């Protein structure tokens, strides 16, 4: 008999599929709330400015490399092959890392463009729900986006590295392109969650969805800041 935890959720009965989706999106909601709670704590205690000072003294290439390592570690820990406490540790570590990385951008937004954080958050959540609705209502397989996301991500990473090395600004069009990549990532991941993930991989699914939401929020916020300057 096949192990139900290795079968894609799309092949399970409707009740099991529904239970899986509830688990995924409840964990995603908790991840978002944890992110918001960490940012509120950072700013209310003054930790945010200490993080800002630390980040300012470190090359963005090192920070980018650290975030990539953290992303890999978190995804590994969130694997359904490991115990549930370890999976939640992976999700928590990733949320913490994103919360730290966001601090400089949030400080810039708060100082140079007041009100943009709330506006960008609303647009991000609205975009996420819209993209999720597209997947749910059309039931389309968006796995064809995999190649676009892979090469788009490589080009974006190379562009960021060049911008750091040669000290040039990444303009509005780069942010627009990254919003499109983030939207594609949400479509792809949501489709994969609905079709390909096994029943016990809800923590890993929540982590991947949170990564897409964080990427979308980052570049929507950059666009809002740029429009206020």
C-alpha atoms as a PDB file:
ATOM      1  CA  UNK A   1       0.000   0.000   0.000  1.00  0.00           C
ATOM      2  CA  UNK A   2       1.303   3.486  -0.862  1.00  0.00           C
ATOM      3  CA  UNK A   3       2.285   5.844   1.901  1.00  0.00           C
ATOM      4  CA  UNK A   4      -0.307   8.689   1.821  1.00  0.00           C
ATOM      5  CA  UNK A   5       2.384  11.181   2.807  1.00  0.00           C
ATOM      6  CA  UNK A   6       4.240  10.618  -0.465  1.00  0.00           C
ATOM      7  CA  UNK A   7       1.184  11.012  -2.703  1.00  0.00           C
ATOM      8  CA  UNK A   8       0.613  14.453  -4.272  1.00  0.00           C
ATOM      9  CA  UNK A   9      -2.256  16.189  -2.513  1.00  0.00           C
ATOM     10  CA  UNK A  10      -4.159  16.518  -5.812  1.00  0.00           C
ATOM     11  CA  UNK A  11      -4.609  12.734  -5.825  1.00  0.00           C
ATOM     12  CA  UNK A  12      -6.100  12.602  -2.320  1.00  0.00           C
ATOM     13  CA  UNK A  13      -9.806  12.773  -1.407  1.00  0.00           C
ATOM     14  CA  UNK A  14     -11.425  16.212  -1.267  1.00  0.00           C
ATOM     15  CA  UNK A  15     -11.516  16.226   2.558  1.00  0.00           C
ATOM     16  CA  UNK A  16      -7.756  15.579   2.775  1.00  0.00           C
ATOM     17  CA  UNK A  17      -7.054  18.268   0.168  1.00  0.00           C
ATOM     18  CA  UNK A  18      -9.140  20.784   2.082  1.00  0.00           C
ATOM     19  CA  UNK A  19      -7.420  19.951   5.360  1.00  0.00           C
ATOM     20  CA  UNK A  20      -4.019  20.363   3.719  1.00  0.00           C
ATOM     21  CA  UNK A  21      -4.889  23.782   2.267  1.00  0.00           C
ATOM     22  CA  UNK A  22      -6.163  24.990   5.650  1.00  0.00           C
ATOM     23  CA  UNK A  23      -2.927  23.860   7.288  1.00  0.00           C
ATOM     24  CA  UNK A  24      -0.791  25.583   4.655  1.00  0.00           C
ATOM     25  CA  UNK A  25      -2.552  28.939   4.794  1.00  0.00           C
ATOM     26  CA  UNK A  26      -2.902  28.953   8.578  1.00  0.00           C
ATOM     27  CA  UNK A  27       0.894  28.503   8.816  1.00  0.00           C
ATOM     28  CA  UNK A  28       1.397  31.212   6.203  1.00  0.00           C
ATOM     29  CA  UNK A  29      -0.815  33.543   8.234  1.00  0.00           C
ATOM     30  CA  UNK A  30       1.202  32.778  11.375  1.00  0.00           C
ATOM     31  CA  UNK A  31       4.433  33.481   9.460  1.00  0.00           C
ATOM     32  CA  UNK A  32       3.115  36.873   8.307  1.00  0.00           C
ATOM     33  CA  UNK A  33       1.954  37.737  11.832  1.00  0.00           C
ATOM     34  CA  UNK A  34       5.352  36.710  13.221  1.00  0.00           C
ATOM     35  CA  UNK A  35       7.060  38.933  10.652  1.00  0.00           C
ATOM     36  CA  UNK A  36       4.858  41.905  11.604  1.00  0.00           C
ATOM     37  CA  UNK A  37       5.359  41.216  15.306  1.00  0.00           C
ATOM     38  CA  UNK A  38       9.136  41.085  14.921  1.00  0.00           C
ATOM     39  CA  UNK A  39       9.198  44.384  13.025  1.00  0.00           C
ATOM     40  CA  UNK A  40       7.045  46.072  15.667  1.00  0.00           C
ATOM     41  CA  UNK A  41       9.367  44.735  18.360  1.00  0.00           C
ATOM     42  CA  UNK A  42      12.501  45.819  16.469  1.00  0.00           C
ATOM     43  CA  UNK A  43      11.226  49.384  16.061  1.00  0.00           C
ATOM     44  CA  UNK A  44       9.632  49.779  19.496  1.00  0.00           C
ATOM     45  CA  UNK A  45      12.773  48.641  21.329  1.00  0.00           C
ATOM     46  CA  UNK A  46      15.339  50.454  19.178  1.00  0.00           C
ATOM     47  CA  UNK A  47      16.768  47.191  17.866  1.00  0.00           C
ATOM     48  CA  UNK A  48      15.901  48.349  14.341  1.00  0.00           C
ATOM     49  CA  UNK A  49      18.483  51.155  14.463  1.00  0.00           C
ATOM     50  CA  UNK A  50      21.114  48.751  15.803  1.00  0.00           C
ATOM     51  CA  UNK A  51      20.350  46.437  12.879  1.00  0.00           C
ATOM     52  CA  UNK A  52      20.567  49.398  10.501  1.00  0.00           C
ATOM     53  CA  UNK A  53      23.995  50.333  11.844  1.00  0.00           C
ATOM     54  CA  UNK A  54      25.205  46.748  11.569  1.00  0.00           C
ATOM     55  CA  UNK A  55      23.910  46.379   8.012  1.00  0.00           C
ATOM     56  CA  UNK A  56      25.517  49.678   6.966  1.00  0.00           C
ATOM     57  CA  UNK A  57      28.941  48.340   7.967  1.00  0.00           C
ATOM     58  CA  UNK A  58      28.624  45.116   5.957  1.00  0.00           C
ATOM     59  CA  UNK A  59      28.770  44.621   2.201  1.00  0.00           C
ATOM     60  CA  UNK A  60      25.400  43.877   0.623  1.00  0.00           C
ATOM     61  CA  UNK A  61      27.051  40.971  -1.175  1.00  0.00           C
ATOM     62  CA  UNK A  62      27.701  39.331   2.188  1.00  0.00           C
ATOM     63  CA  UNK A  63      24.151  40.054   3.285  1.00  0.00           C
ATOM     64  CA  UNK A  64      22.795  38.638   0.036  1.00  0.00           C
ATOM     65  CA  UNK A  65      24.956  35.559   0.429  1.00  0.00           C
ATOM     66  CA  UNK A  66      23.815  35.148   4.014  1.00  0.00           C
ATOM     67  CA  UNK A  67      20.176  35.381   2.969  1.00  0.00           C
ATOM     68  CA  UNK A  68      20.716  32.717   0.310  1.00  0.00           C
ATOM     69  CA  UNK A  69      22.340  30.403   2.862  1.00  0.00           C
ATOM     70  CA  UNK A  70      19.516  31.089   5.318  1.00  0.00           C
ATOM     71  CA  UNK A  71      16.955  30.331   2.613  1.00  0.00           C
ATOM     72  CA  UNK A  72      18.637  27.016   1.817  1.00  0.00           C
ATOM     73  CA  UNK A  73      18.926  26.065   5.495  1.00  0.00           C
ATOM     74  CA  UNK A  74      15.331  27.009   6.227  1.00  0.00           C
ATOM     75  CA  UNK A  75      14.044  25.010   3.253  1.00  0.00           C
ATOM     76  CA  UNK A  76      16.106  22.023   4.403  1.00  0.00           C
ATOM     77  CA  UNK A  77      14.789  22.254   7.970  1.00  0.00           C
ATOM     78  CA  UNK A  78      11.210  22.618   6.706  1.00  0.00           C
ATOM     79  CA  UNK A  79      11.435  19.389   4.737  1.00  0.00           C
ATOM     80  CA  UNK A  80       8.665  16.908   5.694  1.00  0.00           C
ATOM     81  CA  UNK A  81      11.393  14.290   6.140  1.00  0.00           C
ATOM     82  CA  UNK A  82      12.327  15.970   9.412  1.00  0.00           C
ATOM     83  CA  UNK A  83      10.346  16.270  12.623  1.00  0.00           C
ATOM     84  CA  UNK A  84       7.648  18.916  12.957  1.00  0.00           C
ATOM     85  CA  UNK A  85       9.575  20.993  15.565  1.00  0.00           C
ATOM     86  CA  UNK A  86      12.534  21.187  13.153  1.00  0.00           C
ATOM     87  CA  UNK A  87      10.211  22.167  10.302  1.00  0.00           C
ATOM     88  CA  UNK A  88       8.765  25.010  12.358  1.00  0.00           C
ATOM     89  CA  UNK A  89      12.298  26.028  13.334  1.00  0.00           C
ATOM     90  CA  UNK A  90      13.118  26.346   9.631  1.00  0.00           C
ATOM     91  CA  UNK A  91      10.051  28.491   9.000  1.00  0.00           C
ATOM     92  CA  UNK A  92      10.773  30.646  12.034  1.00  0.00           C
ATOM     93  CA  UNK A  93      14.416  31.171  11.059  1.00  0.00           C
ATOM     94  CA  UNK A  94      13.409  32.262   7.581  1.00  0.00           C
ATOM     95  CA  UNK A  95      10.843  34.734   8.900  1.00  0.00           C
ATOM     96  CA  UNK A  96      13.424  36.126  11.343  1.00  0.00           C
ATOM     97  CA  UNK A  97      15.983  36.527   8.562  1.00  0.00           C
ATOM     98  CA  UNK A  98      13.489  38.340   6.349  1.00  0.00           C
ATOM     99  CA  UNK A  99      12.463  40.591   9.239  1.00  0.00           C
ATOM    100  CA  UNK A 100      16.104  41.612   9.782  1.00  0.00           C
ATOM    101  CA  UNK A 101      16.747  42.207   6.066  1.00  0.00           C
ATOM    102  CA  UNK A 102      13.633  44.394   5.791  1.00  0.00           C
ATOM    103  CA  UNK A 103      14.669  46.785   8.564  1.00  0.00           C
ATOM    104  CA  UNK A 104      16.768  49.207   6.424  1.00  0.00           C
ATOM    105  CA  UNK A 105      14.047  49.420   3.751  1.00  0.00           C
ATOM    106  CA  UNK A 106      11.343  50.020   6.355  1.00  0.00           C
ATOM    107  CA  UNK A 107      13.411  52.762   8.011  1.00  0.00           C
ATOM    108  CA  UNK A 108      13.939  54.416   4.612  1.00  0.00           C
ATOM    109  CA  UNK A 109      10.216  54.202   3.866  1.00  0.00           C
ATOM    110  CA  UNK A 110       9.248  55.595   7.262  1.00  0.00           C
ATOM    111  CA  UNK A 111      11.658  58.526   6.996  1.00  0.00           C
ATOM    112  CA  UNK A 112      11.376  59.488   3.324  1.00  0.00           C
ATOM    113  CA  UNK A 113       7.876  58.390   2.390  1.00  0.00           C
ATOM    114  CA  UNK A 114       5.540  58.151   5.408  1.00  0.00           C
ATOM    115  CA  UNK A 115       2.465  56.035   4.821  1.00  0.00           C
ATOM    116  CA  UNK A 116       3.991  53.906   2.102  1.00  0.00           C
ATOM    117  CA  UNK A 117       4.518  50.862   4.354  1.00  0.00           C
ATOM    118  CA  UNK A 118       0.797  50.435   4.981  1.00  0.00           C
ATOM    119  CA  UNK A 119      -0.034  51.140   1.335  1.00  0.00           C
ATOM    120  CA  UNK A 120       2.558  48.649   0.075  1.00  0.00           C
ATOM    121  CA  UNK A 121       1.303  46.026   2.547  1.00  0.00           C
ATOM    122  CA  UNK A 122      -2.262  46.465   1.294  1.00  0.00           C
ATOM    123  CA  UNK A 123      -1.193  46.177  -2.349  1.00  0.00           C
ATOM    124  CA  UNK A 124       0.912  43.106  -1.543  1.00  0.00           C
ATOM    125  CA  UNK A 125      -1.921  41.320   0.263  1.00  0.00           C
ATOM    126  CA  UNK A 126      -4.377  42.300  -2.454  1.00  0.00           C
ATOM    127  CA  UNK A 127      -2.031  41.013  -5.139  1.00  0.00           C
ATOM    128  CA  UNK A 128      -1.463  37.774  -3.246  1.00  0.00           C
ATOM    129  CA  UNK A 129      -5.189  37.103  -2.840  1.00  0.00           C
ATOM    130  CA  UNK A 130      -5.790  37.951  -6.507  1.00  0.00           C
ATOM    131  CA  UNK A 131      -3.074  35.581  -7.721  1.00  0.00           C
ATOM    132  CA  UNK A 132      -4.269  32.861  -5.362  1.00  0.00           C
ATOM    133  CA  UNK A 133      -7.786  33.347  -6.681  1.00  0.00           C
ATOM    134  CA  UNK A 134      -6.539  32.941 -10.255  1.00  0.00           C
ATOM    135  CA  UNK A 135      -5.029  29.549  -9.405  1.00  0.00           C
ATOM    136  CA  UNK A 136      -8.056  28.378  -7.430  1.00  0.00           C
ATOM    137  CA  UNK A 137     -10.689  29.459  -9.968  1.00  0.00           C
ATOM    138  CA  UNK A 138      -8.885  28.443 -13.158  1.00  0.00           C
ATOM    139  CA  UNK A 139      -7.301  25.293 -11.673  1.00  0.00           C
ATOM    140  CA  UNK A 140      -4.552  25.788 -14.209  1.00  0.00           C
ATOM    141  CA  UNK A 141      -1.134  24.185 -13.878  1.00  0.00           C
ATOM    142  CA  UNK A 142       1.421  27.023 -13.707  1.00  0.00           C
ATOM    143  CA  UNK A 143       4.446  24.729 -13.698  1.00  0.00           C
ATOM    144  CA  UNK A 144       5.413  26.207 -17.075  1.00  0.00           C
ATOM    145  CA  UNK A 145       6.593  29.299 -15.156  1.00  0.00           C
ATOM    146  CA  UNK A 146       9.474  27.329 -13.647  1.00  0.00           C
ATOM    147  CA  UNK A 147      11.909  28.130 -16.489  1.00  0.00           C
ATOM    148  CA  UNK A 148      10.964  31.819 -16.483  1.00  0.00           C
ATOM    149  CA  UNK A 149      11.448  32.054 -12.718  1.00  0.00           C
ATOM    150  CA  UNK A 150      14.774  30.213 -12.823  1.00  0.00           C
ATOM    151  CA  UNK A 151      16.338  32.392 -15.509  1.00  0.00           C
ATOM    152  CA  UNK A 152      14.639  35.548 -14.284  1.00  0.00           C
ATOM    153  CA  UNK A 153      16.013  34.901 -10.818  1.00  0.00           C
ATOM    154  CA  UNK A 154      19.535  34.347 -12.151  1.00  0.00           C
ATOM    155  CA  UNK A 155      19.428  37.558 -14.204  1.00  0.00           C
ATOM    156  CA  UNK A 156      18.063  39.492 -11.225  1.00  0.00           C
ATOM    157  CA  UNK A 157      20.759  38.105  -8.932  1.00  0.00           C
ATOM    158  CA  UNK A 158      23.478  38.989 -11.441  1.00  0.00           C
ATOM    159  CA  UNK A 159      22.072  42.494 -11.818  1.00  0.00           C
ATOM    160  CA  UNK A 160      22.028  43.024  -8.044  1.00  0.00           C
ATOM    161  CA  UNK A 161      25.634  41.823  -7.744  1.00  0.00           C
ATOM    162  CA  UNK A 162      26.730  44.186 -10.536  1.00  0.00           C
ATOM    163  CA  UNK A 163      24.851  47.055  -8.894  1.00  0.00           C
ATOM    164  CA  UNK A 164      26.700  46.452  -5.626  1.00  0.00           C
ATOM    165  CA  UNK A 165      30.110  46.075  -7.306  1.00  0.00           C
ATOM    166  CA  UNK A 166      29.797  49.091  -9.606  1.00  0.00           C
ATOM    167  CA  UNK A 167      27.614  51.173  -7.280  1.00  0.00           C
ATOM    168  CA  UNK A 168      24.729  52.036  -9.570  1.00  0.00           C
ATOM    169  CA  UNK A 169      21.068  52.364  -8.642  1.00  0.00           C
ATOM    170  CA  UNK A 170      18.541  49.708  -9.555  1.00  0.00           C
ATOM    171  CA  UNK A 171      15.781  51.813 -11.038  1.00  0.00           C
ATOM    172  CA  UNK A 172      12.025  51.634 -11.253  1.00  0.00           C
ATOM    173  CA  UNK A 173      11.972  49.178 -14.136  1.00  0.00           C
ATOM    174  CA  UNK A 174      14.035  46.679 -12.164  1.00  0.00           C
ATOM    175  CA  UNK A 175      11.498  46.868  -9.323  1.00  0.00           C
ATOM    176  CA  UNK A 176       8.650  46.402 -11.827  1.00  0.00           C
ATOM    177  CA  UNK A 177      10.421  43.339 -13.270  1.00  0.00           C
ATOM    178  CA  UNK A 178      10.913  41.919  -9.779  1.00  0.00           C
ATOM    179  CA  UNK A 179       7.230  42.458  -8.949  1.00  0.00           C
ATOM    180  CA  UNK A 180       6.420  40.373 -12.039  1.00  0.00           C
ATOM    181  CA  UNK A 181       8.866  37.675 -10.926  1.00  0.00           C
ATOM    182  CA  UNK A 182       7.377  37.691  -7.418  1.00  0.00           C
ATOM    183  CA  UNK A 183       3.880  37.401  -8.882  1.00  0.00           C
ATOM    184  CA  UNK A 184       5.006  34.519 -11.074  1.00  0.00           C
ATOM    185  CA  UNK A 185       6.564  32.854  -8.038  1.00  0.00           C
ATOM    186  CA  UNK A 186       3.276  33.084  -6.135  1.00  0.00           C
ATOM    187  CA  UNK A 187       1.358  31.628  -9.088  1.00  0.00           C
ATOM    188  CA  UNK A 188       3.876  28.810  -9.506  1.00  0.00           C
ATOM    189  CA  UNK A 189       4.079  27.960  -5.801  1.00  0.00           C
ATOM    190  CA  UNK A 190       0.326  28.142  -5.255  1.00  0.00           C
ATOM    191  CA  UNK A 191      -0.217  25.821  -8.220  1.00  0.00           C
ATOM    192  CA  UNK A 192       2.417  23.422  -6.872  1.00  0.00           C
ATOM    193  CA  UNK A 193       0.833  23.509  -3.413  1.00  0.00           C
ATOM    194  CA  UNK A 194      -2.543  22.597  -4.903  1.00  0.00           C
ATOM    195  CA  UNK A 195      -1.124  19.805  -7.062  1.00  0.00           C
ATOM    196  CA  UNK A 196       2.308  18.464  -6.194  1.00  0.00           C
ATOM    197  CA  UNK A 197       3.048  18.789  -2.478  1.00  0.00           C
ATOM    198  CA  UNK A 198       2.494  15.696  -0.302  1.00  0.00           C
ATOM    199  CA  UNK A 199       0.025  15.922   2.550  1.00  0.00           C
ATOM    200  CA  UNK A 200       2.615  16.394   5.314  1.00  0.00           C
ATOM    201  CA  UNK A 201       4.561  19.184   3.552  1.00  0.00           C
ATOM    202  CA  UNK A 202       2.341  22.039   4.724  1.00  0.00           C
ATOM    203  CA  UNK A 203       5.148  23.799   6.636  1.00  0.00           C
ATOM    204  CA  UNK A 204       7.440  23.716   3.594  1.00  0.00           C
ATOM    205  CA  UNK A 205       4.580  24.976   1.416  1.00  0.00           C
ATOM    206  CA  UNK A 206       3.908  27.850   3.820  1.00  0.00           C
ATOM    207  CA  UNK A 207       7.597  28.789   3.760  1.00  0.00           C
ATOM    208  CA  UNK A 208       7.674  28.925  -0.040  1.00  0.00           C
ATOM    209  CA  UNK A 209       4.520  31.025  -0.172  1.00  0.00           C
ATOM    210  CA  UNK A 210       5.880  33.387   2.478  1.00  0.00           C
ATOM    211  CA  UNK A 211       9.048  33.817   0.428  1.00  0.00           C
ATOM    212  CA  UNK A 212       6.944  34.928  -2.541  1.00  0.00           C
ATOM    213  CA  UNK A 213       4.914  37.336  -0.412  1.00  0.00           C
ATOM    214  CA  UNK A 214       8.086  38.829   1.118  1.00  0.00           C
ATOM    215  CA  UNK A 215       9.662  39.314  -2.325  1.00  0.00           C
ATOM    216  CA  UNK A 216       6.505  40.987  -3.616  1.00  0.00           C
ATOM    217  CA  UNK A 217       6.277  43.269  -0.564  1.00  0.00           C
ATOM    218  CA  UNK A 218       9.944  44.294  -0.889  1.00  0.00           C
ATOM    219  CA  UNK A 219       9.647  45.502  -4.471  1.00  0.00           C
ATOM    220  CA  UNK A 220       6.162  46.982  -4.143  1.00  0.00           C
ATOM    221  CA  UNK A 221       7.521  49.031  -1.233  1.00  0.00           C
ATOM    222  CA  UNK A 222      10.528  50.090  -3.328  1.00  0.00           C
ATOM    223  CA  UNK A 223       8.139  51.278  -6.043  1.00  0.00           C
ATOM    224  CA  UNK A 224       6.100  53.264  -3.519  1.00  0.00           C
ATOM    225  CA  UNK A 225       9.237  54.877  -2.078  1.00  0.00           C
ATOM    226  CA  UNK A 226      10.473  55.786  -5.555  1.00  0.00           C
ATOM    227  CA  UNK A 227       7.137  57.363  -6.470  1.00  0.00           C
ATOM    228  CA  UNK A 228       7.290  59.672  -3.429  1.00  0.00           C
ATOM    229  CA  UNK A 229      10.762  61.019  -4.177  1.00  0.00           C
END
